Amino acid sequence: MGAVLNAGTIPRLQSRVVVGAANNQLARPEDDHRLLDAGVLYAPDYVVNAGGIIDIHYHRSGDYDPGAVRAHLATIPETLARILDTARAEDRPTGEVADALARAVIAGER
């Protein structure tokens, strides 16, 4: 389910880490800040679940190469580490950092 992390649920979390399997876990963008303020490490769902869309991309490209897919999938932990490191160094929410990285990649600024 989406939007399950919100102003009402975040204070009740008994976890120090949220690694998303559901899509769109945050009800509102500011919930990213709420998680940071609560001391909860948040791994954005679209980062940790990127494998599915990566695989679909290669299937739809018409040039499916299992080796290329595996190599691309292997970059997910590196991307997550980059997001976590940047968030920690800049004292920013991980979702905010991930969104900025995604926008940079889309714009070709990677």
PDB file of N, CA and C in Angstrom:
ATOM      1  N   MET A   1       0.833  -1.182   0.000  1.00  0.00           N
ATOM      2  CA  MET A   1       0.000   0.000   0.000  1.00  0.00           C
ATOM      3  C   MET A   1       0.879   1.247   0.000  1.00  0.00           C
ATOM      4  N   GLY A   2       0.401   2.264  -0.635  1.00  0.00           N
ATOM      5  CA  GLY A   2       1.132   3.512  -0.660  1.00  0.00           C
ATOM      6  C   GLY A   2       0.678   4.452   0.438  1.00  0.00           C
ATOM      7  N   ALA A   3       1.466   5.473   0.662  1.00  0.00           N
ATOM      8  CA  ALA A   3       1.163   6.554   1.594  1.00  0.00           C
ATOM      9  C   ALA A   3       0.962   6.080   3.031  1.00  0.00           C
ATOM     10  N   VAL A   4       1.635   5.016   3.416  1.00  0.00           N
ATOM     11  CA  VAL A   4       1.480   4.504   4.785  1.00  0.00           C
ATOM     12  C   VAL A   4       2.396   5.206   5.779  1.00  0.00           C
ATOM     13  N   LEU A   5       3.397   5.905   5.283  1.00  0.00           N
ATOM     14  CA  LEU A   5       4.277   6.667   6.167  1.00  0.00           C
ATOM     15  C   LEU A   5       3.819   8.117   6.136  1.00  0.00           C
ATOM     16  N   ASN A   6       3.298   8.566   7.262  1.00  0.00           N
ATOM     17  CA  ASN A   6       2.708   9.899   7.316  1.00  0.00           C
ATOM     18  C   ASN A   6       2.843  10.476   8.724  1.00  0.00           C
ATOM     19  N   ALA A   7       2.280  11.653   8.917  1.00  0.00           N
ATOM     20  CA  ALA A   7       2.398  12.340  10.208  1.00  0.00           C
ATOM     21  C   ALA A   7       1.831  11.513  11.354  1.00  0.00           C
ATOM     22  N   GLY A   8       0.863  10.670  11.089  1.00  0.00           N
ATOM     23  CA  GLY A   8       0.269   9.843  12.138  1.00  0.00           C
ATOM     24  C   GLY A   8       1.014   8.543  12.398  1.00  0.00           C
ATOM     25  N   THR A   9       1.588   7.960  11.359  1.00  0.00           N
ATOM     26  CA  THR A   9       2.232   6.652  11.539  1.00  0.00           C
ATOM     27  C   THR A   9       3.714   6.745  11.881  1.00  0.00           C
ATOM     28  N   ILE A  10       4.393   7.750  11.402  1.00  0.00           N
ATOM     29  CA  ILE A  10       5.841   7.844  11.630  1.00  0.00           C
ATOM     30  C   ILE A  10       6.180   7.887  13.119  1.00  0.00           C
ATOM     31  N   PRO A  11       5.485   8.657  13.949  1.00  0.00           N
ATOM     32  CA  PRO A  11       5.823   8.657  15.375  1.00  0.00           C
ATOM     33  C   PRO A  11       5.606   7.303  16.056  1.00  0.00           C
ATOM     34  N   ARG A  12       4.795   6.444  15.465  1.00  0.00           N
ATOM     35  CA  ARG A  12       4.508   5.139  16.058  1.00  0.00           C
ATOM     36  C   ARG A  12       5.445   4.030  15.577  1.00  0.00           C
ATOM     37  N   LEU A  13       6.313   4.341  14.623  1.00  0.00           N
ATOM     38  CA  LEU A  13       7.231   3.318  14.117  1.00  0.00           C
ATOM     39  C   LEU A  13       8.115   2.794  15.238  1.00  0.00           C
ATOM     40  N   GLN A  14       8.312   1.495  15.246  1.00  0.00           N
ATOM     41  CA  GLN A  14       9.208   0.872  16.211  1.00  0.00           C
ATOM     42  C   GLN A  14      10.438   0.332  15.511  1.00  0.00           C
ATOM     43  N   SER A  15      10.683   0.851  14.345  1.00  0.00           N
ATOM     44  CA  SER A  15      11.796   0.433  13.517  1.00  0.00           C
ATOM     45  C   SER A  15      12.760   1.592  13.341  1.00  0.00           C
ATOM     46  N   ARG A  16      14.007   1.280  13.160  1.00  0.00           N
ATOM     47  CA  ARG A  16      15.010   2.309  12.894  1.00  0.00           C
ATOM     48  C   ARG A  16      15.326   2.399  11.411  1.00  0.00           C
ATOM     49  N   VAL A  17      14.779   1.460  10.636  1.00  0.00           N
ATOM     50  CA  VAL A  17      15.043   1.415   9.197  1.00  0.00           C
ATOM     51  C   VAL A  17      13.755   1.053   8.465  1.00  0.00           C
ATOM     52  N   VAL A  18      13.497   1.747   7.366  1.00  0.00           N
ATOM     53  CA  VAL A  18      12.402   1.396   6.460  1.00  0.00           C
ATOM     54  C   VAL A  18      13.026   1.180   5.090  1.00  0.00           C
ATOM     55  N   VAL A  19      12.928  -0.051   4.600  1.00  0.00           N
ATOM     56  CA  VAL A  19      13.423  -0.391   3.261  1.00  0.00           C
ATOM     57  C   VAL A  19      12.196  -0.816   2.473  1.00  0.00           C
ATOM     58  N   GLY A  20      11.786   0.052   1.605  1.00  0.00           N
ATOM     59  CA  GLY A  20      10.481  -0.072   0.991  1.00  0.00           C
ATOM     60  C   GLY A  20      10.300  -1.149  -0.043  1.00  0.00           C
ATOM     61  N   ALA A  21       9.226  -1.876   0.110  1.00  0.00           N
ATOM     62  CA  ALA A  21       8.792  -2.790  -0.934  1.00  0.00           C
ATOM     63  C   ALA A  21       7.560  -2.230  -1.637  1.00  0.00           C
ATOM     64  N   ALA A  22       6.746  -1.498  -0.910  1.00  0.00           N
ATOM     65  CA  ALA A  22       5.556  -0.885  -1.500  1.00  0.00           C
ATOM     66  C   ALA A  22       5.961   0.362  -2.289  1.00  0.00           C
ATOM     67  N   ASN A  23       5.148   0.719  -3.241  1.00  0.00           N
ATOM     68  CA  ASN A  23       5.387   1.948  -3.999  1.00  0.00           C
ATOM     69  C   ASN A  23       4.823   3.146  -3.246  1.00  0.00           C
ATOM     70  N   ASN A  24       5.471   4.272  -3.399  1.00  0.00           N
ATOM     71  CA  ASN A  24       4.957   5.533  -2.863  1.00  0.00           C
ATOM     72  C   ASN A  24       4.625   5.438  -1.375  1.00  0.00           C
ATOM     73  N   GLN A  25       5.588   5.061  -0.594  1.00  0.00           N
ATOM     74  CA  GLN A  25       5.364   4.865   0.834  1.00  0.00           C
ATOM     75  C   GLN A  25       5.065   6.154   1.581  1.00  0.00           C
ATOM     76  N   LEU A  26       5.647   7.251   1.138  1.00  0.00           N
ATOM     77  CA  LEU A  26       5.444   8.516   1.829  1.00  0.00           C
ATOM     78  C   LEU A  26       4.134   9.154   1.384  1.00  0.00           C
ATOM     79  N   ALA A  27       3.330   9.565   2.352  1.00  0.00           N
ATOM     80  CA  ALA A  27       2.061  10.219   2.013  1.00  0.00           C
ATOM     81  C   ALA A  27       2.315  11.602   1.423  1.00  0.00           C
ATOM     82  N   ARG A  28       3.307  12.295   1.970  1.00  0.00           N
ATOM     83  CA  ARG A  28       3.620  13.650   1.522  1.00  0.00           C
ATOM     84  C   ARG A  28       5.129  13.814   1.491  1.00  0.00           C
ATOM     85  N   PRO A  29       5.661  14.691   0.677  1.00  0.00           N
ATOM     86  CA  PRO A  29       7.115  14.879   0.618  1.00  0.00           C
ATOM     87  C   PRO A  29       7.742  15.203   1.977  1.00  0.00           C
ATOM     88  N   GLU A  30       7.032  15.953   2.814  1.00  0.00           N
ATOM     89  CA  GLU A  30       7.603  16.316   4.112  1.00  0.00           C
ATOM     90  C   GLU A  30       7.743  15.123   5.064  1.00  0.00           C
ATOM     91  N   ASP A  31       7.120  13.994   4.735  1.00  0.00           N
ATOM     92  CA  ASP A  31       7.281  12.799   5.562  1.00  0.00           C
ATOM     93  C   ASP A  31       8.710  12.269   5.509  1.00  0.00           C
ATOM     94  N   ASP A  32       9.403  12.581   4.453  1.00  0.00           N
ATOM     95  CA  ASP A  32      10.826  12.253   4.344  1.00  0.00           C
ATOM     96  C   ASP A  32      11.597  12.938   5.475  1.00  0.00           C
ATOM     97  N   HIS A  33      11.286  14.200   5.727  1.00  0.00           N
ATOM     98  CA  HIS A  33      11.907  14.957   6.823  1.00  0.00           C
ATOM     99  C   HIS A  33      11.470  14.405   8.177  1.00  0.00           C
ATOM    100  N   ARG A  34      10.218  13.989   8.282  1.00  0.00           N
ATOM    101  CA  ARG A  34       9.731  13.418   9.542  1.00  0.00           C
ATOM    102  C   ARG A  34      10.520  12.158   9.898  1.00  0.00           C
ATOM    103  N   LEU A  35      10.802  11.335   8.899  1.00  0.00           N
ATOM    104  CA  LEU A  35      11.582  10.116   9.152  1.00  0.00           C
ATOM    105  C   LEU A  35      12.985  10.471   9.634  1.00  0.00           C
ATOM    106  N   LEU A  36      13.605  11.423   8.970  1.00  0.00           N
ATOM    107  CA  LEU A  36      14.943  11.857   9.380  1.00  0.00           C
ATOM    108  C   LEU A  36      14.918  12.375  10.813  1.00  0.00           C
ATOM    109  N   ASP A  37      13.957  13.225  11.121  1.00  0.00           N
ATOM    110  CA  ASP A  37      13.854  13.793  12.467  1.00  0.00           C
ATOM    111  C   ASP A  37      13.585  12.727  13.522  1.00  0.00           C
ATOM    112  N   ALA A  38      12.894  11.648  13.124  1.00  0.00           N
ATOM    113  CA  ALA A  38      12.595  10.557  14.053  1.00  0.00           C
ATOM    114  C   ALA A  38      13.757   9.576  14.184  1.00  0.00           C
ATOM    115  N   GLY A  39      14.820   9.801  13.407  1.00  0.00           N
ATOM    116  CA  GLY A  39      15.968   8.902  13.471  1.00  0.00           C
ATOM    117  C   GLY A  39      15.753   7.596  12.735  1.00  0.00           C
ATOM    118  N   VAL A  40      14.842   7.595  11.765  1.00  0.00           N
ATOM    119  CA  VAL A  40      14.541   6.394  10.983  1.00  0.00           C
ATOM    120  C   VAL A  40      15.239   6.504   9.633  1.00  0.00           C
ATOM    121  N   LEU A  41      16.073   5.534   9.331  1.00  0.00           N
ATOM    122  CA  LEU A  41      16.748   5.494   8.037  1.00  0.00           C
ATOM    123  C   LEU A  41      15.764   4.978   6.990  1.00  0.00           C
ATOM    124  N   TYR A  42      15.567   5.751   5.954  1.00  0.00           N
ATOM    125  CA  TYR A  42      14.597   5.426   4.904  1.00  0.00           C
ATOM    126  C   TYR A  42      15.328   5.145   3.609  1.00  0.00           C
ATOM    127  N   ALA A  43      15.123   3.947   3.063  1.00  0.00           N
ATOM    128  CA  ALA A  43      15.649   3.594   1.748  1.00  0.00           C
ATOM    129  C   ALA A  43      14.483   3.711   0.764  1.00  0.00           C
ATOM    130  N   PRO A  44      14.480   4.718  -0.089  1.00  0.00           N
ATOM    131  CA  PRO A  44      13.341   4.953  -0.978  1.00  0.00           C
ATOM    132  C   PRO A  44      12.992   3.723  -1.827  1.00  0.00           C
ATOM    133  N   ASP A  45      11.698   3.488  -1.909  1.00  0.00           N
ATOM    134  CA  ASP A  45      11.200   2.300  -2.602  1.00  0.00           C
ATOM    135  C   ASP A  45      11.680   2.202  -4.040  1.00  0.00           C
ATOM    136  N   TYR A  46      11.696   3.296  -4.758  1.00  0.00           N
ATOM    137  CA  TYR A  46      12.060   3.203  -6.177  1.00  0.00           C
ATOM    138  C   TYR A  46      13.545   2.942  -6.377  1.00  0.00           C
ATOM    139  N   VAL A  47      14.350   3.134  -5.337  1.00  0.00           N
ATOM    140  CA  VAL A  47      15.770   2.792  -5.418  1.00  0.00           C
ATOM    141  C   VAL A  47      15.956   1.306  -5.154  1.00  0.00           C
ATOM    142  N   VAL A  48      15.432   0.838  -4.027  1.00  0.00           N
ATOM    143  CA  VAL A  48      15.656  -0.565  -3.658  1.00  0.00           C
ATOM    144  C   VAL A  48      14.868  -1.540  -4.528  1.00  0.00           C
ATOM    145  N   ASN A  49      13.817  -1.063  -5.177  1.00  0.00           N
ATOM    146  CA  ASN A  49      13.019  -1.920  -6.059  1.00  0.00           C
ATOM    147  C   ASN A  49      13.316  -1.684  -7.535  1.00  0.00           C
ATOM    148  N   ALA A  50      14.427  -1.090  -7.845  1.00  0.00           N
ATOM    149  CA  ALA A  50      14.739  -0.738  -9.231  1.00  0.00           C
ATOM    150  C   ALA A  50      14.926  -1.946 -10.141  1.00  0.00           C
ATOM    151  N   GLY A  51      15.161  -3.097  -9.580  1.00  0.00           N
ATOM    152  CA  GLY A  51      15.419  -4.288 -10.397  1.00  0.00           C
ATOM    153  C   GLY A  51      14.312  -4.614 -11.372  1.00  0.00           C
ATOM    154  N   GLY A  52      13.077  -4.467 -10.950  1.00  0.00           N
ATOM    155  CA  GLY A  52      11.957  -4.783 -11.833  1.00  0.00           C
ATOM    156  C   GLY A  52      11.913  -3.896 -13.061  1.00  0.00           C
ATOM    157  N   ILE A  53      12.069  -2.611 -12.857  1.00  0.00           N
ATOM    158  CA  ILE A  53      11.994  -1.695 -14.000  1.00  0.00           C
ATOM    159  C   ILE A  53      13.219  -1.826 -14.890  1.00  0.00           C
ATOM    160  N   ILE A  54      14.355  -2.132 -14.287  1.00  0.00           N
ATOM    161  CA  ILE A  54      15.566  -2.371 -15.091  1.00  0.00           C
ATOM    162  C   ILE A  54      15.347  -3.565 -16.006  1.00  0.00           C
ATOM    163  N   ASP A  55      14.817  -4.642 -15.463  1.00  0.00           N
ATOM    164  CA  ASP A  55      14.564  -5.845 -16.267  1.00  0.00           C
ATOM    165  C   ASP A  55      13.553  -5.556 -17.379  1.00  0.00           C
ATOM    166  N   ILE A  56      12.490  -4.844 -17.050  1.00  0.00           N
ATOM    167  CA  ILE A  56      11.486  -4.489 -18.059  1.00  0.00           C
ATOM    168  C   ILE A  56      12.113  -3.649 -19.171  1.00  0.00           C
ATOM    169  N   HIS A  57      12.957  -2.702 -18.781  1.00  0.00           N
ATOM    170  CA  HIS A  57      13.622  -1.867 -19.786  1.00  0.00           C
ATOM    171  C   HIS A  57      14.365  -2.733 -20.801  1.00  0.00           C
ATOM    172  N   TYR A  58      15.151  -3.680 -20.314  1.00  0.00           N
ATOM    173  CA  TYR A  58      15.924  -4.518 -21.232  1.00  0.00           C
ATOM    174  C   TYR A  58      15.026  -5.424 -22.069  1.00  0.00           C
ATOM    175  N   HIS A  59      13.949  -5.924 -21.498  1.00  0.00           N
ATOM    176  CA  HIS A  59      13.010  -6.742 -22.274  1.00  0.00           C
ATOM    177  C   HIS A  59      12.366  -5.929 -23.388  1.00  0.00           C
ATOM    178  N   ARG A  60      11.977  -4.717 -23.074  1.00  0.00           N
ATOM    179  CA  ARG A  60      11.279  -3.890 -24.064  1.00  0.00           C
ATOM    180  C   ARG A  60      12.204  -3.258 -25.080  1.00  0.00           C
ATOM    181  N   SER A  61      13.483  -3.215 -24.789  1.00  0.00           N
ATOM    182  CA  SER A  61      14.424  -2.602 -25.735  1.00  0.00           C
ATOM    183  C   SER A  61      14.618  -3.487 -26.959  1.00  0.00           C
ATOM    184  N   GLY A  62      14.216  -4.749 -26.850  1.00  0.00           N
ATOM    185  CA  GLY A  62      14.374  -5.674 -27.967  1.00  0.00           C
ATOM    186  C   GLY A  62      15.762  -6.263 -28.065  1.00  0.00           C
ATOM    187  N   ASP A  63      16.604  -5.945 -27.134  1.00  0.00           N
ATOM    188  CA  ASP A  63      17.988  -6.423 -27.158  1.00  0.00           C
ATOM    189  C   ASP A  63      18.343  -6.976 -25.781  1.00  0.00           C
ATOM    190  N   TYR A  64      17.566  -7.973 -25.324  1.00  0.00           N
ATOM    191  CA  TYR A  64      17.736  -8.501 -23.970  1.00  0.00           C
ATOM    192  C   TYR A  64      19.046  -9.278 -23.861  1.00  0.00           C
ATOM    193  N   ASP A  65      19.876  -8.830 -22.954  1.00  0.00           N
ATOM    194  CA  ASP A  65      21.165  -9.464 -22.689  1.00  0.00           C
ATOM    195  C   ASP A  65      21.249  -9.711 -21.188  1.00  0.00           C
ATOM    196  N   PRO A  66      21.121 -10.961 -20.746  1.00  0.00           N
ATOM    197  CA  PRO A  66      21.140 -11.248 -19.310  1.00  0.00           C
ATOM    198  C   PRO A  66      22.377 -10.704 -18.593  1.00  0.00           C
ATOM    199  N   GLY A  67      23.509 -10.719 -19.242  1.00  0.00           N
ATOM    200  CA  GLY A  67      24.725 -10.175 -18.633  1.00  0.00           C
ATOM    201  C   GLY A  67      24.625  -8.679 -18.394  1.00  0.00           C
ATOM    202  N   ALA A  68      24.071  -7.980 -19.360  1.00  0.00           N
ATOM    203  CA  ALA A  68      23.889  -6.531 -19.220  1.00  0.00           C
ATOM    204  C   ALA A  68      22.887  -6.223 -18.115  1.00  0.00           C
ATOM    205  N   VAL A  69      21.838  -7.038 -18.032  1.00  0.00           N
ATOM    206  CA  VAL A  69      20.843  -6.842 -16.973  1.00  0.00           C
ATOM    207  C   VAL A  69      21.497  -7.049 -15.612  1.00  0.00           C
ATOM    208  N   ARG A  70      22.239  -8.131 -15.452  1.00  0.00           N
ATOM    209  CA  ARG A  70      22.913  -8.397 -14.169  1.00  0.00           C
ATOM    210  C   ARG A  70      23.888  -7.273 -13.812  1.00  0.00           C
ATOM    211  N   ALA A  71      24.619  -6.771 -14.784  1.00  0.00           N
ATOM    212  CA  ALA A  71      25.566  -5.678 -14.529  1.00  0.00           C
ATOM    213  C   ALA A  71      24.828  -4.419 -14.079  1.00  0.00           C
ATOM    214  N   HIS A  72      23.712  -4.144 -14.713  1.00  0.00           N
ATOM    215  CA  HIS A  72      22.927  -2.969 -14.335  1.00  0.00           C
ATOM    216  C   HIS A  72      22.331  -3.161 -12.935  1.00  0.00           C
ATOM    217  N   LEU A  73      21.821  -4.346 -12.657  1.00  0.00           N
ATOM    218  CA  LEU A  73      21.262  -4.641 -11.332  1.00  0.00           C
ATOM    219  C   LEU A  73      22.319  -4.490 -10.242  1.00  0.00           C
ATOM    220  N   ALA A  74      23.547  -4.822 -10.568  1.00  0.00           N
ATOM    221  CA  ALA A  74      24.640  -4.736  -9.590  1.00  0.00           C
ATOM    222  C   ALA A  74      24.927  -3.304  -9.164  1.00  0.00           C
ATOM    223  N   THR A  75      24.416  -2.326  -9.911  1.00  0.00           N
ATOM    224  CA  THR A  75      24.644  -0.919  -9.540  1.00  0.00           C
ATOM    225  C   THR A  75      23.665  -0.426  -8.479  1.00  0.00           C
ATOM    226  N   ILE A  76      22.616  -1.183  -8.204  1.00  0.00           N
ATOM    227  CA  ILE A  76      21.615  -0.738  -7.224  1.00  0.00           C
ATOM    228  C   ILE A  76      22.254  -0.507  -5.844  1.00  0.00           C
ATOM    229  N   PRO A  77      23.020  -1.458  -5.302  1.00  0.00           N
ATOM    230  CA  PRO A  77      23.632  -1.197  -3.988  1.00  0.00           C
ATOM    231  C   PRO A  77      24.565   0.015  -3.994  1.00  0.00           C
ATOM    232  N   GLU A  78      25.279   0.220  -5.088  1.00  0.00           N
ATOM    233  CA  GLU A  78      26.162   1.386  -5.192  1.00  0.00           C
ATOM    234  C   GLU A  78      25.358   2.684  -5.170  1.00  0.00           C
ATOM    235  N   THR A  79      24.254   2.690  -5.873  1.00  0.00           N
ATOM    236  CA  THR A  79      23.396   3.875  -5.909  1.00  0.00           C
ATOM    237  C   THR A  79      22.823   4.153  -4.527  1.00  0.00           C
ATOM    238  N   LEU A  80      22.345   3.107  -3.865  1.00  0.00           N
ATOM    239  CA  LEU A  80      21.804   3.284  -2.523  1.00  0.00           C
ATOM    240  C   LEU A  80      22.881   3.797  -1.568  1.00  0.00           C
ATOM    241  N   ALA A  81      24.070   3.244  -1.648  1.00  0.00           N
ATOM    242  CA  ALA A  81      25.169   3.700  -0.783  1.00  0.00           C
ATOM    243  C   ALA A  81      25.481   5.174  -1.039  1.00  0.00           C
ATOM    244  N   ARG A  82      25.473   5.559  -2.296  1.00  0.00           N
ATOM    245  CA  ARG A  82      25.730   6.972  -2.645  1.00  0.00           C
ATOM    246  C   ARG A  82      24.670   7.875  -2.028  1.00  0.00           C
ATOM    247  N   ILE A  83      23.420   7.457  -2.098  1.00  0.00           N
ATOM    248  CA  ILE A  83      22.318   8.226  -1.527  1.00  0.00           C
ATOM    249  C   ILE A  83      22.464   8.324  -0.013  1.00  0.00           C
ATOM    250  N   LEU A  84      22.727   7.197   0.634  1.00  0.00           N
ATOM    251  CA  LEU A  84      22.864   7.183   2.093  1.00  0.00           C
ATOM    252  C   LEU A  84      24.052   8.028   2.545  1.00  0.00           C
ATOM    253  N   ASP A  85      25.164   7.900   1.849  1.00  0.00           N
ATOM    254  CA  ASP A  85      26.356   8.677   2.204  1.00  0.00           C
ATOM    255  C   ASP A  85      26.122  10.176   2.042  1.00  0.00           C
ATOM    256  N   THR A  86      25.497  10.564   0.939  1.00  0.00           N
ATOM    257  CA  THR A  86      25.218  11.977   0.694  1.00  0.00           C
ATOM    258  C   THR A  86      24.245  12.521   1.730  1.00  0.00           C
ATOM    259  N   ALA A  87      23.209  11.758   2.014  1.00  0.00           N
ATOM    260  CA  ALA A  87      22.220  12.196   3.004  1.00  0.00           C
ATOM    261  C   ALA A  87      22.872  12.399   4.365  1.00  0.00           C
ATOM    262  N   ARG A  88      23.714  11.467   4.752  1.00  0.00           N
ATOM    263  CA  ARG A  88      24.393  11.567   6.040  1.00  0.00           C
ATOM    264  C   ARG A  88      25.333  12.770   6.060  1.00  0.00           C
ATOM    265  N   ALA A  89      26.123  12.929   5.022  1.00  0.00           N
ATOM    266  CA  ALA A  89      27.108  14.016   4.966  1.00  0.00           C
ATOM    267  C   ALA A  89      26.444  15.387   4.949  1.00  0.00           C
ATOM    268  N   GLU A  90      25.288  15.477   4.302  1.00  0.00           N
ATOM    269  CA  GLU A  90      24.612  16.767   4.159  1.00  0.00           C
ATOM    270  C   GLU A  90      23.444  16.954   5.127  1.00  0.00           C
ATOM    271  N   ASP A  91      23.221  15.945   5.993  1.00  0.00           N
ATOM    272  CA  ASP A  91      22.105  15.964   6.945  1.00  0.00           C
ATOM    273  C   ASP A  91      20.796  16.273   6.230  1.00  0.00           C
ATOM    274  N   ARG A  92      20.559  15.503   5.166  1.00  0.00           N
ATOM    275  CA  ARG A  92      19.347  15.654   4.356  1.00  0.00           C
ATOM    276  C   ARG A  92      18.593  14.338   4.357  1.00  0.00           C
ATOM    277  N   PRO A  93      17.297  14.361   4.143  1.00  0.00           N
ATOM    278  CA  PRO A  93      16.524  13.130   4.036  1.00  0.00           C
ATOM    279  C   PRO A  93      16.942  12.321   2.807  1.00  0.00           C
ATOM    280  N   THR A  94      16.926  11.022   2.939  1.00  0.00           N
ATOM    281  CA  THR A  94      17.358  10.153   1.845  1.00  0.00           C
ATOM    282  C   THR A  94      16.457  10.255   0.619  1.00  0.00           C
ATOM    283  N   GLY A  95      15.168  10.437   0.838  1.00  0.00           N
ATOM    284  CA  GLY A  95      14.264  10.585  -0.306  1.00  0.00           C
ATOM    285  C   GLY A  95      14.556  11.838  -1.107  1.00  0.00           C
ATOM    286  N   GLU A  96      14.879  12.902  -0.408  1.00  0.00           N
ATOM    287  CA  GLU A  96      15.231  14.158  -1.071  1.00  0.00           C
ATOM    288  C   GLU A  96      16.508  13.977  -1.903  1.00  0.00           C
ATOM    289  N   VAL A  97      17.486  13.297  -1.339  1.00  0.00           N
ATOM    290  CA  VAL A  97      18.742  13.045  -2.058  1.00  0.00           C
ATOM    291  C   VAL A  97      18.482  12.142  -3.259  1.00  0.00           C
ATOM    292  N   ALA A  98      17.692  11.094  -3.074  1.00  0.00           N
ATOM    293  CA  ALA A  98      17.384  10.170  -4.173  1.00  0.00           C
ATOM    294  C   ALA A  98      16.638  10.885  -5.295  1.00  0.00           C
ATOM    295  N   ASP A  99      15.696  11.737  -4.937  1.00  0.00           N
ATOM    296  CA  ASP A  99      14.955  12.490  -5.949  1.00  0.00           C
ATOM    297  C   ASP A  99      15.888  13.401  -6.745  1.00  0.00           C
ATOM    298  N   ALA A 100      16.809  14.070  -6.051  1.00  0.00           N
ATOM    299  CA  ALA A 100      17.753  14.957  -6.741  1.00  0.00           C
ATOM    300  C   ALA A 100      18.655  14.155  -7.676  1.00  0.00           C
ATOM    301  N   LEU A 101      19.102  12.992  -7.228  1.00  0.00           N
ATOM    302  CA  LEU A 101      19.929  12.141  -8.076  1.00  0.00           C
ATOM    303  C   LEU A 101      19.140  11.673  -9.294  1.00  0.00           C
ATOM    304  N   ALA A 102      17.899  11.271  -9.088  1.00  0.00           N
ATOM    305  CA  ALA A 102      17.061  10.820 -10.208  1.00  0.00           C
ATOM    306  C   ALA A 102      16.872  11.940 -11.237  1.00  0.00           C
ATOM    307  N   ARG A 103      16.606  13.147 -10.744  1.00  0.00           N
ATOM    308  CA  ARG A 103      16.446  14.279 -11.674  1.00  0.00           C
ATOM    309  C   ARG A 103      17.736  14.536 -12.447  1.00  0.00           C
ATOM    310  N   ALA A 104      18.882  14.418 -11.780  1.00  0.00           N
ATOM    311  CA  ALA A 104      20.172  14.632 -12.455  1.00  0.00           C
ATOM    312  C   ALA A 104      20.418  13.564 -13.509  1.00  0.00           C
ATOM    313  N   VAL A 105      20.074  12.332 -13.202  1.00  0.00           N
ATOM    314  CA  VAL A 105      20.263  11.246 -14.181  1.00  0.00           C
ATOM    315  C   VAL A 105      19.355  11.470 -15.384  1.00  0.00           C
ATOM    316  N   ILE A 106      18.123  11.823 -15.147  1.00  0.00           N
ATOM    317  CA  ILE A 106      17.171  12.070 -16.247  1.00  0.00           C
ATOM    318  C   ILE A 106      17.666  13.222 -17.120  1.00  0.00           C
ATOM    319  N   ALA A 107      18.224  14.231 -16.485  1.00  0.00           N
ATOM    320  CA  ALA A 107      18.723  15.402 -17.226  1.00  0.00           C
ATOM    321  C   ALA A 107      20.082  15.138 -17.869  1.00  0.00           C
ATOM    322  N   GLY A 108      20.640  13.954 -17.641  1.00  0.00           N
ATOM    323  CA  GLY A 108      21.932  13.612 -18.228  1.00  0.00           C
ATOM    324  C   GLY A 108      23.118  14.236 -17.518  1.00  0.00           C
ATOM    325  N   GLU A 109      22.923  14.626 -16.264  1.00  0.00           N
ATOM    326  CA  GLU A 109      23.971  15.293 -15.506  1.00  0.00           C
ATOM    327  C   GLU A 109      24.719  14.347 -14.573  1.00  0.00           C
ATOM    328  N   ARG A 110      24.452  13.125 -14.640  1.00  0.00           N
ATOM    329  CA  ARG A 110      24.983  12.111 -13.742  1.00  0.00           C
ATOM    330  C   ARG A 110      26.409  12.311 -13.536  1.00  0.00           C
TER     331      ARG A 110
END
